[in-house]
Protein backbone atom coordinates (compact mmCIF):
# COMPACT_ATOMS: atom_id res chain seq x y z
CA UNK A 1 0.00 0.00 0.00
CA UNK A 2 1.49 3.34 -1.05
CA UNK A 3 1.43 6.74 0.63
CA UNK A 4 -1.53 8.06 -1.35
CA UNK A 5 -3.71 5.07 -0.48
CA UNK A 6 -2.77 5.18 3.20
CA UNK A 7 -3.52 8.91 3.29
CA UNK A 8 -6.90 8.42 1.57
CA UNK A 9 -7.74 5.64 4.04
CA UNK A 10 -6.87 7.77 7.07
CA UNK A 11 -8.80 10.74 5.68
CA UNK A 12 -11.86 8.50 5.17
CA UNK A 13 -11.66 7.42 8.82
CA UNK A 14 -11.25 11.04 9.90
CA UNK A 15 -14.37 12.09 7.93
CA UNK A 16 -16.37 9.20 9.31
CA UNK A 17 -16.80 7.60 5.90
CA UNK A 18 -14.96 4.49 7.10
CA UNK A 19 -15.02 2.84 10.49
CA UNK A 20 -11.87 2.00 12.42
CA UNK A 21 -12.68 -1.72 12.10
CA UNK A 22 -13.09 -1.43 8.33
CA UNK A 23 -9.77 0.37 8.11
CA UNK A 24 -8.12 -2.37 10.17
CA UNK A 25 -9.43 -4.97 7.72
CA UNK A 26 -7.81 -3.08 4.84
CA UNK A 27 -4.54 -2.71 6.74
CA UNK A 28 -4.32 -6.24 8.09
CA UNK A 29 -1.95 -7.47 5.36
CA UNK A 30 0.69 -4.90 6.27
CA UNK A 31 3.61 -5.15 6.24
CA UNK A 32 3.73 -8.32 4.11
CA UNK A 33 1.62 -11.13 2.70
CA UNK A 34 2.86 -14.69 3.27
CA UNK A 35 2.39 -16.82 0.15
CA UNK A 36 4.55 -19.63 1.62
CA UNK A 37 7.03 -19.51 -1.29
CA UNK A 38 7.29 -15.71 -1.04
CA UNK A 39 6.70 -13.05 1.59
CA UNK A 40 5.36 -10.19 -0.48
CA UNK A 41 6.45 -6.80 0.87
CA UNK A 42 3.35 -4.56 0.84
CA UNK A 43 5.07 -1.90 2.93
CA UNK A 44 8.02 -1.10 0.68
CA UNK A 45 6.42 1.86 -1.06
CA UNK A 46 5.94 3.58 2.30
CA UNK A 47 9.57 2.96 3.26
CA UNK A 48 11.35 3.36 -0.06
CA UNK A 49 8.99 5.27 -2.33
CA UNK A 50 8.25 2.45 -4.79
CA UNK A 51 6.48 -0.93 -4.63
CA UNK A 52 8.45 -4.16 -4.45
CA UNK A 53 9.49 -5.36 -7.90
CA UNK A 54 9.34 -8.99 -8.98
CA UNK A 55 12.60 -10.43 -10.33
CA UNK A 56 11.19 -13.14 -12.62
CA UNK A 57 14.37 -15.07 -13.35
CA UNK A 58 14.36 -18.37 -11.45
CA UNK A 59 10.65 -18.17 -10.59
CA UNK A 60 7.88 -20.19 -12.23
CA UNK A 61 5.13 -18.33 -14.13
CA UNK A 62 2.69 -19.41 -11.42
CA UNK A 63 4.86 -17.91 -8.68
CA UNK A 64 5.33 -14.65 -10.57
CA UNK A 65 1.61 -14.36 -11.26
CA UNK A 66 0.67 -15.00 -7.62
CA UNK A 67 3.08 -12.31 -6.41
CA UNK A 68 1.92 -9.82 -9.04
CA UNK A 69 -1.75 -10.41 -8.21
CA UNK A 70 -1.11 -9.64 -4.55
CA UNK A 71 0.97 -6.54 -5.28
CA UNK A 72 -1.60 -5.31 -7.80
CA UNK A 73 -4.25 -5.22 -5.06
CA UNK A 74 -2.27 -2.47 -3.33
CA UNK A 75 -0.15 -0.65 -5.93
CA UNK A 76 0.00 0.88 -9.38
CA UNK A 77 3.06 0.53 -11.60
CA UNK A 78 4.27 -2.80 -10.23
CA UNK A 79 7.41 -3.92 -12.06
CA UNK A 80 8.29 -7.45 -13.08
CA UNK A 81 11.86 -7.54 -14.39
CA UNK A 82 13.56 -10.13 -16.63
CA UNK A 83 10.13 -11.31 -17.76
CA UNK A 84 10.22 -14.19 -20.26
CA UNK A 85 7.65 -14.74 -23.00
CA UNK A 86 6.20 -17.59 -20.93
CA UNK A 87 5.60 -15.23 -18.02
CA UNK A 88 4.07 -12.62 -20.33
CA UNK A 89 1.60 -15.22 -21.65
CA UNK A 90 0.73 -16.21 -18.08
CA UNK A 91 -0.03 -12.60 -17.13
CA UNK A 92 -2.01 -12.09 -20.36
CA UNK A 93 -4.43 -14.83 -19.31
CA UNK A 94 -4.85 -13.52 -15.76
CA UNK A 95 -6.96 -10.46 -16.39
CA UNK A 96 -4.37 -8.13 -14.86
CA UNK A 97 -3.88 -4.80 -16.62
CA UNK A 98 -0.29 -4.57 -17.80
CA UNK A 99 2.10 -3.10 -20.32
CA UNK A 100 5.03 -5.11 -21.65
CA UNK A 101 8.31 -3.54 -22.73
CA UNK A 102 10.00 -6.35 -24.69
CA UNK A 103 13.43 -4.77 -25.16
CA UNK A 104 13.64 -3.96 -21.44
CA UNK A 105 12.10 -7.36 -20.56
CA UNK A 106 9.84 -5.53 -18.09
CA UNK A 107 6.15 -5.97 -17.30
CA UNK A 108 4.36 -3.03 -15.67
CA UNK A 109 1.19 -4.17 -13.89
CA UNK A 110 -1.54 -1.61 -13.19
CA UNK A 111 0.27 0.91 -15.40
CA UNK A 112 -0.46 4.51 -14.48
CA UNK A 113 0.84 7.74 -15.95
CA UNK A 114 3.34 9.45 -13.67
CA UNK A 115 4.48 12.97 -14.51
CA UNK A 116 8.24 12.93 -14.88
CA UNK A 117 10.39 15.34 -12.90
CA UNK A 118 13.98 16.45 -13.42
CA UNK A 119 16.00 14.68 -16.09
CA UNK A 120 17.87 11.39 -16.21
CA UNK A 121 19.97 10.71 -19.32
CA UNK A 122 20.46 7.03 -20.16
CA UNK A 123 23.48 6.59 -22.42
CA UNK A 124 24.54 3.29 -23.98
CA UNK A 125 27.86 2.51 -25.60
CA UNK A 126 26.48 0.13 -28.22
CA UNK A 127 23.25 -1.29 -29.60
CA UNK A 128 24.01 -4.62 -27.90
CA UNK A 129 23.73 -2.83 -24.55
CA UNK A 130 20.13 -1.75 -25.21
CA UNK A 131 18.35 -4.42 -23.12
CA UNK A 132 20.14 -3.20 -20.00
CA UNK A 133 19.82 0.47 -20.98
CA UNK A 134 16.09 0.03 -21.61
CA UNK A 135 15.65 -1.74 -18.27
CA UNK A 136 17.14 1.37 -16.66
CA UNK A 137 15.14 3.82 -18.78
CA UNK A 138 11.75 2.14 -18.34
CA UNK A 139 12.29 1.68 -14.59
CA UNK A 140 13.25 5.34 -14.20
CA UNK A 141 10.17 6.46 -16.14
CA UNK A 142 7.83 4.30 -14.07
CA UNK A 143 9.38 5.78 -10.90
CA UNK A 144 8.34 9.24 -12.09
CA UNK A 145 11.42 10.69 -13.78
CA UNK A 146 11.82 12.44 -17.13
CA UNK A 147 14.17 10.29 -19.19
CA UNK A 148 16.11 10.96 -22.37
CA UNK A 149 17.88 8.17 -24.24
CA UNK A 150 21.23 8.52 -26.03
CA UNK A 151 22.13 5.20 -27.63
CA UNK A 152 25.11 3.79 -29.53
CA UNK A 153 27.55 6.51 -28.48
CA UNK A 154 30.54 4.46 -27.35
CA UNK A 155 34.17 5.55 -27.19
CA UNK A 156 35.04 4.08 -30.60
CA UNK A 157 33.41 7.20 -32.09
CA UNK A 158 33.45 10.02 -29.54
CA UNK A 159 31.93 12.50 -32.00
CA UNK A 160 28.63 10.63 -31.58
CA UNK A 161 28.66 11.32 -27.84
CA UNK A 162 29.83 14.92 -28.18
CA UNK A 163 26.82 15.70 -30.37
CA UNK A 164 24.73 15.21 -27.19
CA UNK A 165 26.93 17.19 -24.80
CA UNK A 166 24.19 19.77 -24.18
CA UNK A 167 21.81 17.04 -23.01
CA UNK A 168 24.40 15.53 -20.69
CA UNK A 169 24.97 18.88 -19.00
CA UNK A 170 21.20 19.44 -18.68
CA UNK A 171 20.60 16.10 -16.90
CA UNK A 172 20.61 15.86 -13.12
CA UNK A 173 22.14 12.38 -13.32
CA UNK A 174 23.50 10.18 -16.11
CA UNK A 175 23.25 6.39 -16.37
CA UNK A 176 26.11 5.13 -18.56
CA UNK A 177 25.69 1.58 -19.86
CA UNK A 178 28.64 -0.17 -21.49
CA UNK A 179 30.20 -3.57 -22.06
CA UNK A 180 33.47 -4.49 -23.79
CA UNK A 181 36.17 -2.41 -22.02
CA UNK A 182 33.62 -0.26 -20.16
CA UNK A 183 35.28 3.11 -20.84
CA UNK A 184 32.13 5.18 -21.49
CA UNK A 185 31.39 6.27 -17.87
CA UNK A 186 34.93 7.61 -17.42
CA UNK A 187 34.61 9.68 -20.58
CA UNK A 188 31.23 11.10 -19.52
CA UNK A 189 32.57 11.75 -16.02
CA UNK A 190 35.40 13.78 -17.56
CA UNK A 191 33.00 15.84 -19.70
CA UNK A 192 30.35 16.83 -17.14
CA UNK A 193 29.85 17.79 -13.50
CA UNK A 194 26.87 15.44 -13.15
CA UNK A 195 26.63 12.26 -11.08
CA UNK A 196 27.36 9.29 -13.34
CA UNK A 197 26.01 5.83 -12.54
CA UNK A 198 27.99 3.22 -14.45
CA UNK A 199 26.35 -0.05 -15.51
CA UNK A 200 28.70 -2.73 -16.84
CA UNK A 201 27.05 -5.18 -19.24
CA UNK A 202 27.92 -8.75 -20.08
CA UNK A 203 28.46 -7.76 -23.73
CA UNK A 204 31.90 -8.55 -25.14
CA UNK A 205 34.30 -11.21 -26.40
CA UNK A 206 35.93 -13.86 -24.22
CA UNK A 207 38.39 -11.65 -22.37
CA UNK A 208 35.51 -9.48 -21.15
CA UNK A 209 34.66 -12.39 -18.81
CA UNK A 210 30.93 -11.80 -19.03
CA UNK A 211 31.17 -8.17 -17.96
CA UNK A 212 33.84 -8.48 -15.27
CA UNK A 213 36.36 -6.54 -17.38
CA UNK A 214 33.91 -3.65 -17.77
CA UNK A 215 33.01 -3.81 -14.07
CA UNK A 216 36.66 -3.57 -13.00
CA UNK A 217 37.35 -0.74 -15.46
CA UNK A 218 34.41 1.25 -14.09
CA UNK A 219 35.38 0.60 -10.47
CA UNK A 220 38.87 1.90 -11.31
CA UNK A 221 37.65 5.01 -13.13
CA UNK A 222 39.83 8.07 -12.57
CA UNK A 223 36.88 10.38 -13.32
CA UNK A 224 35.32 11.78 -10.13
CA UNK A 225 31.63 11.33 -9.43
CA UNK A 226 31.28 7.87 -10.99
CA UNK A 227 29.48 5.15 -9.02
CA UNK A 228 29.05 1.57 -10.22
CA UNK A 229 26.28 -1.02 -9.94
CA UNK A 230 26.42 -4.73 -10.66
CA UNK A 231 26.74 -6.28 -14.11
CA UNK A 232 23.57 -5.83 -16.22
CA UNK A 233 21.77 -4.15 -13.30
CA UNK A 234 19.81 -1.47 -15.12
CA UNK A 235 17.04 -1.73 -12.53
CA UNK A 236 19.38 -0.91 -9.64
CA UNK A 237 20.95 1.98 -11.55
CA UNK A 238 17.51 3.47 -12.21
CA UNK A 239 16.61 3.40 -8.51
CA UNK A 240 19.85 5.14 -7.56
CA UNK A 241 19.33 7.72 -10.32
CA UNK A 242 15.73 8.24 -9.18
CA UNK A 243 16.85 9.19 -5.66
CA UNK A 244 19.50 11.61 -6.94
CA UNK A 245 17.31 13.17 -9.61
CA UNK A 246 14.36 13.86 -7.32
CA UNK A 247 16.57 15.29 -4.62
CA UNK A 248 18.28 17.64 -7.10
CA UNK A 249 14.93 18.59 -8.68
CA UNK A 250 13.54 19.45 -5.24
CA UNK A 251 16.55 21.63 -4.39
CA UNK A 252 16.35 23.46 -7.69
């Protein structure tokens, strides 16, 4: 249950439109619902500003659907990440309202329009990095941020990135997504005074070690203001960017 629903519930009790006992019935599932195979966190939006997301990888379609159904009773814009086609078909037959973003591999259940604030720029080094970049971009948009995408601007052709320098300096925070040698965040960090969140991807030939080479390069960046999330973790990068962007937007 999110802040707006809790506030509406308390206001209804205050007006006398809802009894205390009726309110208790609606609140009884807080802070979590026990589904035996999962303890669904219904309280997370109150603590962290966004509902619990469902990481689909490793879960059966039945498990994902059960979790989504419970979350959808309490929240809008519930995210299911790394959603396979099998899981999408399962949700399609459930009657839940949803929007699927295939490149990001994200399902958004109970999709609702959220006005975006501030600006997050999501920059990818190559086209092969787009699934991770789109996971970051879609997540950031659902969390209520204005997002601009700058794709295929890796260090092998810096003129492509420099064409977007004005956008990079306008953004409150930049998510830089890169595989191979992972140099893009360092370059962006050297061109701007914005916070840069580096996302290494598992894209690359054998010596990239499934993204470890990019991860180590980003962790060893000499550019100030660069932070690093785990390999392929566009979702985590978007949450960090969301916190920074909304704080900066509030200050400004």
